[in-house]
Amino acid sequence: SGMFDVTHGAGLAAIWPSWARYVMHENLSRF
């Protein structure tokens, strides 16, 4: 948001899938 002046919700949607793939093995059963 700070760099590209995008809306918060859209930015979260753009980041979450990659974050999820990166961390999912920390608690695979939760995913």
PDB file of all heavy atoms in Angstrom:
ATOM      1  N   SER A   1       0.832  -1.208   0.000  1.00  0.00           N
ATOM      2  CA  SER A   1       0.000   0.000   0.000  1.00  0.00           C
ATOM      3  C   SER A   1       0.860   1.249   0.000  1.00  0.00           C
ATOM      4  O   SER A   1       0.557   2.231  -0.684  1.00  0.00           O
ATOM      5  CB  SER A   1      -0.917   0.018   1.229  1.00  0.00           C
ATOM      6  OG  SER A   1      -1.882  -0.992   1.166  1.00  0.00           O
ATOM      7  N   GLY A   2       1.936   1.221   0.789  1.00  0.00           N
ATOM      8  CA  GLY A   2       2.804   2.380   0.875  1.00  0.00           C
ATOM      9  C   GLY A   2       3.522   2.682  -0.430  1.00  0.00           C
ATOM     10  O   GLY A   2       3.673   3.836  -0.821  1.00  0.00           O
ATOM     11  N   MET A   3       3.953   1.641  -1.125  1.00  0.00           N
ATOM     12  CA  MET A   3       4.720   1.848  -2.352  1.00  0.00           C
ATOM     13  C   MET A   3       3.837   2.100  -3.558  1.00  0.00           C
ATOM     14  O   MET A   3       4.178   2.906  -4.438  1.00  0.00           O
ATOM     15  CB  MET A   3       5.628   0.640  -2.613  1.00  0.00           C
ATOM     16  CG  MET A   3       6.549   0.823  -3.814  1.00  0.00           C
ATOM     17  SD  MET A   3       7.771  -0.507  -3.990  1.00  0.00           S
ATOM     18  CE  MET A   3       8.992  -0.018  -2.769  1.00  0.00           C
ATOM     19  N   PHE A   4       2.669   1.442  -3.619  1.00  0.00           N
ATOM     20  CA  PHE A   4       1.864   1.485  -4.843  1.00  0.00           C
ATOM     21  C   PHE A   4       0.485   2.110  -4.664  1.00  0.00           C
ATOM     22  O   PHE A   4      -0.301   2.156  -5.597  1.00  0.00           O
ATOM     23  CB  PHE A   4       1.712   0.067  -5.415  1.00  0.00           C
ATOM     24  CG  PHE A   4       3.024  -0.570  -5.756  1.00  0.00           C
ATOM     25  CD1 PHE A   4       3.537  -1.597  -4.974  1.00  0.00           C
ATOM     26  CD2 PHE A   4       3.761  -0.133  -6.842  1.00  0.00           C
ATOM     27  CE1 PHE A   4       4.750  -2.189  -5.284  1.00  0.00           C
ATOM     28  CE2 PHE A   4       4.981  -0.717  -7.157  1.00  0.00           C
ATOM     29  CZ  PHE A   4       5.483  -1.747  -6.373  1.00  0.00           C
ATOM     30  N   ASP A   5       0.168   2.585  -3.460  1.00  0.00           N
ATOM     31  CA  ASP A   5      -1.110   3.248  -3.207  1.00  0.00           C
ATOM     32  C   ASP A   5      -2.307   2.384  -3.628  1.00  0.00           C
ATOM     33  O   ASP A   5      -3.199   2.820  -4.339  1.00  0.00           O
ATOM     34  CB  ASP A   5      -1.156   4.603  -3.916  1.00  0.00           C
ATOM     35  CG  ASP A   5      -2.312   5.468  -3.423  1.00  0.00           C
ATOM     36  OD1 ASP A   5      -2.714   5.320  -2.255  1.00  0.00           O
ATOM     37  OD2 ASP A   5      -2.818   6.287  -4.216  1.00  0.00           O
ATOM     38  N   VAL A   6      -2.276   1.119  -3.207  1.00  0.00           N
ATOM     39  CA  VAL A   6      -3.374   0.198  -3.497  1.00  0.00           C
ATOM     40  C   VAL A   6      -4.247   0.054  -2.255  1.00  0.00           C
ATOM     41  O   VAL A   6      -3.834   0.378  -1.144  1.00  0.00           O
ATOM     42  CB  VAL A   6      -2.845  -1.189  -3.932  1.00  0.00           C
ATOM     43  CG1 VAL A   6      -2.074  -1.077  -5.242  1.00  0.00           C
ATOM     44  CG2 VAL A   6      -1.956  -1.801  -2.850  1.00  0.00           C
ATOM     45  N   THR A   7      -5.461  -0.425  -2.445  1.00  0.00           N
ATOM     46  CA  THR A   7      -6.354  -0.594  -1.303  1.00  0.00           C
ATOM     47  C   THR A   7      -5.897  -1.776  -0.449  1.00  0.00           C
ATOM     48  O   THR A   7      -5.356  -2.760  -0.955  1.00  0.00           O
ATOM     49  CB  THR A   7      -7.813  -0.813  -1.747  1.00  0.00           C
ATOM     50  OG1 THR A   7      -7.877  -1.981  -2.571  1.00  0.00           O
ATOM     51  CG2 THR A   7      -8.331   0.388  -2.527  1.00  0.00           C
ATOM     52  N   HIS A   8      -6.143  -1.657   0.835  1.00  0.00           N
ATOM     53  CA  HIS A   8      -5.667  -2.628   1.814  1.00  0.00           C
ATOM     54  C   HIS A   8      -6.197  -4.038   1.528  1.00  0.00           C
ATOM     55  O   HIS A   8      -5.437  -5.006   1.500  1.00  0.00           O
ATOM     56  CB  HIS A   8      -6.099  -2.164   3.203  1.00  0.00           C
ATOM     57  CG  HIS A   8      -5.641  -3.008   4.335  1.00  0.00           C
ATOM     58  ND1 HIS A   8      -4.324  -3.373   4.525  1.00  0.00           N
ATOM     59  CD2 HIS A   8      -6.338  -3.551   5.369  1.00  0.00           C
ATOM     60  CE1 HIS A   8      -4.227  -4.104   5.620  1.00  0.00           C
ATOM     61  NE2 HIS A   8      -5.425  -4.237   6.149  1.00  0.00           N
ATOM     62  N   GLY A   9      -7.495  -4.167   1.295  1.00  0.00           N
ATOM     63  CA  GLY A   9      -8.089  -5.489   1.062  1.00  0.00           C
ATOM     64  C   GLY A   9      -7.549  -6.161  -0.179  1.00  0.00           C
ATOM     65  O   GLY A   9      -7.250  -7.358  -0.176  1.00  0.00           O
ATOM     66  N   ALA A  10      -7.397  -5.398  -1.260  1.00  0.00           N
ATOM     67  CA  ALA A  10      -6.852  -5.971  -2.493  1.00  0.00           C
ATOM     68  C   ALA A  10      -5.399  -6.382  -2.299  1.00  0.00           C
ATOM     69  O   ALA A  10      -4.964  -7.424  -2.799  1.00  0.00           O
ATOM     70  CB  ALA A  10      -6.986  -4.969  -3.633  1.00  0.00           C
ATOM     71  N   GLY A  11      -4.640  -5.586  -1.555  1.00  0.00           N
ATOM     72  CA  GLY A  11      -3.252  -5.945  -1.276  1.00  0.00           C
ATOM     73  C   GLY A  11      -3.144  -7.215  -0.461  1.00  0.00           C
ATOM     74  O   GLY A  11      -2.272  -8.058  -0.706  1.00  0.00           O
ATOM     75  N   LEU A  12      -4.034  -7.384   0.520  1.00  0.00           N
ATOM     76  CA  LEU A  12      -4.040  -8.606   1.322  1.00  0.00           C
ATOM     77  C   LEU A  12      -4.339  -9.823   0.451  1.00  0.00           C
ATOM     78  O   LEU A  12      -3.712 -10.874   0.592  1.00  0.00           O
ATOM     79  CB  LEU A  12      -5.077  -8.497   2.450  1.00  0.00           C
ATOM     80  CG  LEU A  12      -4.740  -7.529   3.572  1.00  0.00           C
ATOM     81  CD1 LEU A  12      -5.957  -7.319   4.471  1.00  0.00           C
ATOM     82  CD2 LEU A  12      -3.558  -8.029   4.397  1.00  0.00           C
ATOM     83  N   ALA A  13      -5.302  -9.668  -0.457  1.00  0.00           N
ATOM     84  CA  ALA A  13      -5.641 -10.779  -1.357  1.00  0.00           C
ATOM     85  C   ALA A  13      -4.460 -11.141  -2.248  1.00  0.00           C
ATOM     86  O   ALA A  13      -4.250 -12.317  -2.555  1.00  0.00           O
ATOM     87  CB  ALA A  13      -6.861 -10.411  -2.203  1.00  0.00           C
ATOM     88  N   ALA A  14      -3.672 -10.156  -2.641  1.00  0.00           N
ATOM     89  CA  ALA A  14      -2.535 -10.404  -3.529  1.00  0.00           C
ATOM     90  C   ALA A  14      -1.373 -11.093  -2.808  1.00  0.00           C
ATOM     91  O   ALA A  14      -0.597 -11.812  -3.429  1.00  0.00           O
ATOM     92  CB  ALA A  14      -2.051  -9.079  -4.135  1.00  0.00           C
ATOM     93  N   ILE A  15      -1.260 -10.881  -1.508  1.00  0.00           N
ATOM     94  CA  ILE A  15      -0.144 -11.437  -0.733  1.00  0.00           C
ATOM     95  C   ILE A  15      -0.487 -12.774  -0.079  1.00  0.00           C
ATOM     96  O   ILE A  15       0.346 -13.679   0.009  1.00  0.00           O
ATOM     97  CB  ILE A  15       0.296 -10.431   0.363  1.00  0.00           C
ATOM     98  CG1 ILE A  15       1.090  -9.289  -0.269  1.00  0.00           C
ATOM     99  CG2 ILE A  15       1.119 -11.091   1.452  1.00  0.00           C
ATOM    100  CD1 ILE A  15       2.451  -9.695  -0.781  1.00  0.00           C
ATOM    101  N   TRP A  16      -1.726 -12.930   0.402  1.00  0.00           N
ATOM    102  CA  TRP A  16      -2.057 -14.088   1.243  1.00  0.00           C
ATOM    103  C   TRP A  16      -1.725 -15.438   0.593  1.00  0.00           C
ATOM    104  O   TRP A  16      -1.139 -16.303   1.264  1.00  0.00           O
ATOM    105  CB  TRP A  16      -3.519 -14.077   1.696  1.00  0.00           C
ATOM    106  CG  TRP A  16      -3.794 -15.215   2.613  1.00  0.00           C
ATOM    107  CD1 TRP A  16      -3.549 -15.269   3.950  1.00  0.00           C
ATOM    108  CD2 TRP A  16      -4.292 -16.511   2.250  1.00  0.00           C
ATOM    109  NE1 TRP A  16      -3.870 -16.502   4.458  1.00  0.00           N
ATOM    110  CE2 TRP A  16      -4.331 -17.289   3.432  1.00  0.00           C
ATOM    111  CE3 TRP A  16      -4.711 -17.090   1.051  1.00  0.00           C
ATOM    112  CZ2 TRP A  16      -4.769 -18.609   3.446  1.00  0.00           C
ATOM    113  CZ3 TRP A  16      -5.148 -18.409   1.064  1.00  0.00           C
ATOM    114  CH2 TRP A  16      -5.180 -19.153   2.251  1.00  0.00           C
ATOM    115  N   PRO A  17      -2.077 -15.694  -0.675  1.00  0.00           N
ATOM    116  CA  PRO A  17      -1.797 -17.039  -1.222  1.00  0.00           C
ATOM    117  C   PRO A  17      -0.316 -17.409  -1.181  1.00  0.00           C
ATOM    118  O   PRO A  17       0.030 -18.560  -0.889  1.00  0.00           O
ATOM    119  CB  PRO A  17      -2.327 -16.953  -2.659  1.00  0.00           C
ATOM    120  CG  PRO A  17      -3.361 -15.878  -2.619  1.00  0.00           C
ATOM    121  CD  PRO A  17      -2.826 -14.865  -1.646  1.00  0.00           C
ATOM    122  N   SER A  18       0.554 -16.452  -1.459  1.00  0.00           N
ATOM    123  CA  SER A  18       1.995 -16.751  -1.426  1.00  0.00           C
ATOM    124  C   SER A  18       2.468 -16.953   0.001  1.00  0.00           C
ATOM    125  O   SER A  18       3.270 -17.860   0.276  1.00  0.00           O
ATOM    126  CB  SER A  18       2.777 -15.621  -2.100  1.00  0.00           C
ATOM    127  OG  SER A  18       2.452 -15.577  -3.476  1.00  0.00           O
ATOM    128  N   TRP A  19       1.991 -16.108   0.925  1.00  0.00           N
ATOM    129  CA  TRP A  19       2.319 -16.311   2.344  1.00  0.00           C
ATOM    130  C   TRP A  19       1.877 -17.703   2.776  1.00  0.00           C
ATOM    131  O   TRP A  19       2.626 -18.429   3.431  1.00  0.00           O
ATOM    132  CB  TRP A  19       1.650 -15.244   3.210  1.00  0.00           C
ATOM    133  CG  TRP A  19       1.759 -15.532   4.671  1.00  0.00           C
ATOM    134  CD1 TRP A  19       2.797 -15.209   5.504  1.00  0.00           C
ATOM    135  CD2 TRP A  19       0.817 -16.248   5.483  1.00  0.00           C
ATOM    136  NE1 TRP A  19       2.554 -15.671   6.783  1.00  0.00           N
ATOM    137  CE2 TRP A  19       1.340 -16.317   6.794  1.00  0.00           C
ATOM    138  CE3 TRP A  19      -0.426 -16.841   5.220  1.00  0.00           C
ATOM    139  CZ2 TRP A  19       0.673 -16.947   7.840  1.00  0.00           C
ATOM    140  CZ3 TRP A  19      -1.087 -17.467   6.265  1.00  0.00           C
ATOM    141  CH2 TRP A  19      -0.537 -17.518   7.550  1.00  0.00           C
ATOM    142  N   ALA A  20       0.659 -18.089   2.403  1.00  0.00           N
ATOM    143  CA  ALA A  20       0.109 -19.383   2.822  1.00  0.00           C
ATOM    144  C   ALA A  20       0.970 -20.541   2.312  1.00  0.00           C
ATOM    145  O   ALA A  20       1.279 -21.472   3.062  1.00  0.00           O
ATOM    146  CB  ALA A  20      -1.336 -19.521   2.341  1.00  0.00           C
ATOM    147  N   ARG A  21       1.355 -20.489   1.062  1.00  0.00           N
ATOM    148  CA  ARG A  21       2.204 -21.549   0.509  1.00  0.00           C
ATOM    149  C   ARG A  21       3.562 -21.595   1.218  1.00  0.00           C
ATOM    150  O   ARG A  21       4.133 -22.659   1.407  1.00  0.00           O
ATOM    151  CB  ARG A  21       2.387 -21.345  -0.993  1.00  0.00           C
ATOM    152  CG  ARG A  21       1.141 -21.659  -1.805  1.00  0.00           C
ATOM    153  CD  ARG A  21       1.378 -21.479  -3.299  1.00  0.00           C
ATOM    154  NE  ARG A  21       0.235 -21.928  -4.070  1.00  0.00           N
ATOM    155  CZ  ARG A  21      -0.745 -21.130  -4.509  1.00  0.00           C
ATOM    156  NH1 ARG A  21      -0.693 -19.829  -4.256  1.00  0.00           N
ATOM    157  NH2 ARG A  21      -1.761 -21.626  -5.184  1.00  0.00           N
ATOM    158  N   TYR A  22       4.060 -20.438   1.578  1.00  0.00           N
ATOM    159  CA  TYR A  22       5.383 -20.351   2.202  1.00  0.00           C
ATOM    160  C   TYR A  22       5.391 -20.903   3.621  1.00  0.00           C
ATOM    161  O   TYR A  22       6.383 -21.492   4.054  1.00  0.00           O
ATOM    162  CB  TYR A  22       5.846 -18.887   2.197  1.00  0.00           C
ATOM    163  CG  TYR A  22       7.300 -18.685   2.534  1.00  0.00           C
ATOM    164  CD1 TYR A  22       8.292 -18.909   1.578  1.00  0.00           C
ATOM    165  CD2 TYR A  22       7.699 -18.263   3.794  1.00  0.00           C
ATOM    166  CE1 TYR A  22       9.643 -18.721   1.871  1.00  0.00           C
ATOM    167  CE2 TYR A  22       9.046 -18.071   4.097  1.00  0.00           C
ATOM    168  CZ  TYR A  22      10.007 -18.304   3.136  1.00  0.00           C
ATOM    169  OH  TYR A  22      11.335 -18.119   3.434  1.00  0.00           O
ATOM    170  N   VAL A  23       4.289 -20.744   4.345  1.00  0.00           N
ATOM    171  CA  VAL A  23       4.285 -21.097   5.776  1.00  0.00           C
ATOM    172  C   VAL A  23       3.450 -22.331   6.108  1.00  0.00           C
ATOM    173  O   VAL A  23       3.442 -22.770   7.260  1.00  0.00           O
ATOM    174  CB  VAL A  23       3.792 -19.914   6.651  1.00  0.00           C
ATOM    175  CG1 VAL A  23       4.604 -18.662   6.371  1.00  0.00           C
ATOM    176  CG2 VAL A  23       2.298 -19.655   6.473  1.00  0.00           C
ATOM    177  N   MET A  24       2.759 -22.911   5.167  1.00  0.00           N
ATOM    178  CA  MET A  24       1.743 -23.915   5.501  1.00  0.00           C
ATOM    179  C   MET A  24       2.299 -25.124   6.254  1.00  0.00           C
ATOM    180  O   MET A  24       1.588 -25.754   7.027  1.00  0.00           O
ATOM    181  CB  MET A  24       0.974 -24.363   4.267  1.00  0.00           C
ATOM    182  CG  MET A  24       1.713 -25.221   3.299  1.00  0.00           C
ATOM    183  SD  MET A  24       0.618 -25.689   1.931  1.00  0.00           S
ATOM    184  CE  MET A  24       1.668 -26.863   1.088  1.00  0.00           C
ATOM    185  N   HIS A  25       3.559 -25.434   6.067  1.00  0.00           N
ATOM    186  CA  HIS A  25       4.105 -26.604   6.763  1.00  0.00           C
ATOM    187  C   HIS A  25       4.359 -26.344   8.245  1.00  0.00           C
ATOM    188  O   HIS A  25       4.646 -27.284   8.989  1.00  0.00           O
ATOM    189  CB  HIS A  25       5.380 -27.094   6.070  1.00  0.00           C
ATOM    190  CG  HIS A  25       5.088 -27.734   4.750  1.00  0.00           C
ATOM    191  ND1 HIS A  25       5.225 -27.064   3.557  1.00  0.00           N
ATOM    192  CD2 HIS A  25       4.622 -28.969   4.446  1.00  0.00           C
ATOM    193  CE1 HIS A  25       4.865 -27.862   2.572  1.00  0.00           C
ATOM    194  NE2 HIS A  25       4.495 -29.031   3.077  1.00  0.00           N
ATOM    195  N   GLU A  26       4.241 -25.100   8.676  1.00  0.00           N
ATOM    196  CA  GLU A  26       4.384 -24.794  10.101  1.00  0.00           C
ATOM    197  C   GLU A  26       3.219 -25.348  10.906  1.00  0.00           C
ATOM    198  O   GLU A  26       3.344 -25.608  12.099  1.00  0.00           O
ATOM    199  CB  GLU A  26       4.504 -23.280  10.318  1.00  0.00           C
ATOM    200  CG  GLU A  26       5.686 -22.645   9.620  1.00  0.00           C
ATOM    201  CD  GLU A  26       7.013 -23.164  10.140  1.00  0.00           C
ATOM    202  OE1 GLU A  26       7.159 -23.326  11.365  1.00  0.00           O
ATOM    203  OE2 GLU A  26       7.921 -23.400   9.305  1.00  0.00           O
ATOM    204  N   ASN A  27       2.057 -25.493  10.278  1.00  0.00           N
ATOM    205  CA  ASN A  27       0.893 -26.141  10.893  1.00  0.00           C
ATOM    206  C   ASN A  27       0.008 -26.661   9.767  1.00  0.00           C
ATOM    207  O   ASN A  27      -1.059 -26.105   9.482  1.00  0.00           O
ATOM    208  CB  ASN A  27       0.123 -25.190  11.808  1.00  0.00           C
ATOM    209  CG  ASN A  27      -0.941 -25.910  12.633  1.00  0.00           C
ATOM    210  OD1 ASN A  27      -1.280 -27.062  12.351  1.00  0.00           O
ATOM    211  ND2 ASN A  27      -1.474 -25.251  13.638  1.00  0.00           N
ATOM    212  N   LEU A  28       0.481 -27.709   9.121  1.00  0.00           N
ATOM    213  CA  LEU A  28      -0.204 -28.247   7.949  1.00  0.00           C
ATOM    214  C   LEU A  28      -1.634 -28.648   8.274  1.00  0.00           C
ATOM    215  O   LEU A  28      -2.544 -28.441   7.477  1.00  0.00           O
ATOM    216  CB  LEU A  28       0.582 -29.433   7.383  1.00  0.00           C
ATOM    217  CG  LEU A  28       0.085 -30.001   6.051  1.00  0.00           C
ATOM    218  CD1 LEU A  28       0.116 -28.945   4.955  1.00  0.00           C
ATOM    219  CD2 LEU A  28       0.932 -31.209   5.653  1.00  0.00           C
ATOM    220  N   SER A  29      -1.859 -29.213   9.459  1.00  0.00           N
ATOM    221  CA  SER A  29      -3.211 -29.652   9.815  1.00  0.00           C
ATOM    222  C   SER A  29      -4.191 -28.485   9.865  1.00  0.00           C
ATOM    223  O   SER A  29      -5.378 -28.649   9.570  1.00  0.00           O
ATOM    224  CB  SER A  29      -3.206 -30.402  11.146  1.00  0.00           C
ATOM    225  OG  SER A  29      -2.823 -29.547  12.201  1.00  0.00           O
ATOM    226  N   ARG A  30      -3.705 -27.295  10.221  1.00  0.00           N
ATOM    227  CA  ARG A  30      -4.582 -26.121  10.243  1.00  0.00           C
ATOM    228  C   ARG A  30      -4.973 -25.714   8.828  1.00  0.00           C
ATOM    229  O   ARG A  30      -6.112 -25.343   8.573  1.00  0.00           O
ATOM    230  CB  ARG A  30      -3.876 -24.974  10.967  1.00  0.00           C
ATOM    231  CG  ARG A  30      -4.658 -23.654  11.065  1.00  0.00           C
ATOM    232  CD  ARG A  30      -6.042 -23.787  11.671  1.00  0.00           C
ATOM    233  NE  ARG A  30      -6.043 -24.371  12.974  1.00  0.00           N
ATOM    234  CZ  ARG A  30      -6.477 -23.765  14.081  1.00  0.00           C
ATOM    235  NH1 ARG A  30      -6.916 -22.536  14.029  1.00  0.00           N
ATOM    236  NH2 ARG A  30      -6.493 -24.417  15.232  1.00  0.00           N
ATOM    237  N   PHE A  31      -4.041 -25.817   7.889  1.00  0.00           N
ATOM    238  CA  PHE A  31      -4.359 -25.501   6.499  1.00  0.00           C
ATOM    239  C   PHE A  31      -5.286 -26.547   5.889  1.00  0.00           C
ATOM    240  O   PHE A  31      -6.142 -26.221   5.065  1.00  0.00           O
ATOM    241  CB  PHE A  31      -3.081 -25.331   5.683  1.00  0.00           C
ATOM    242  CG  PHE A  31      -2.442 -23.987   5.867  1.00  0.00           C
ATOM    243  CD1 PHE A  31      -1.506 -23.785   6.874  1.00  0.00           C
ATOM    244  CD2 PHE A  31      -2.782 -22.919   5.062  1.00  0.00           C
ATOM    245  CE1 PHE A  31      -0.919 -22.540   7.065  1.00  0.00           C
ATOM    246  CE2 PHE A  31      -2.201 -21.666   5.238  1.00  0.00           C
ATOM    247  CZ  PHE A  31      -1.267 -21.477   6.240  1.00  0.00           C
TER     248      PHE A  31
END
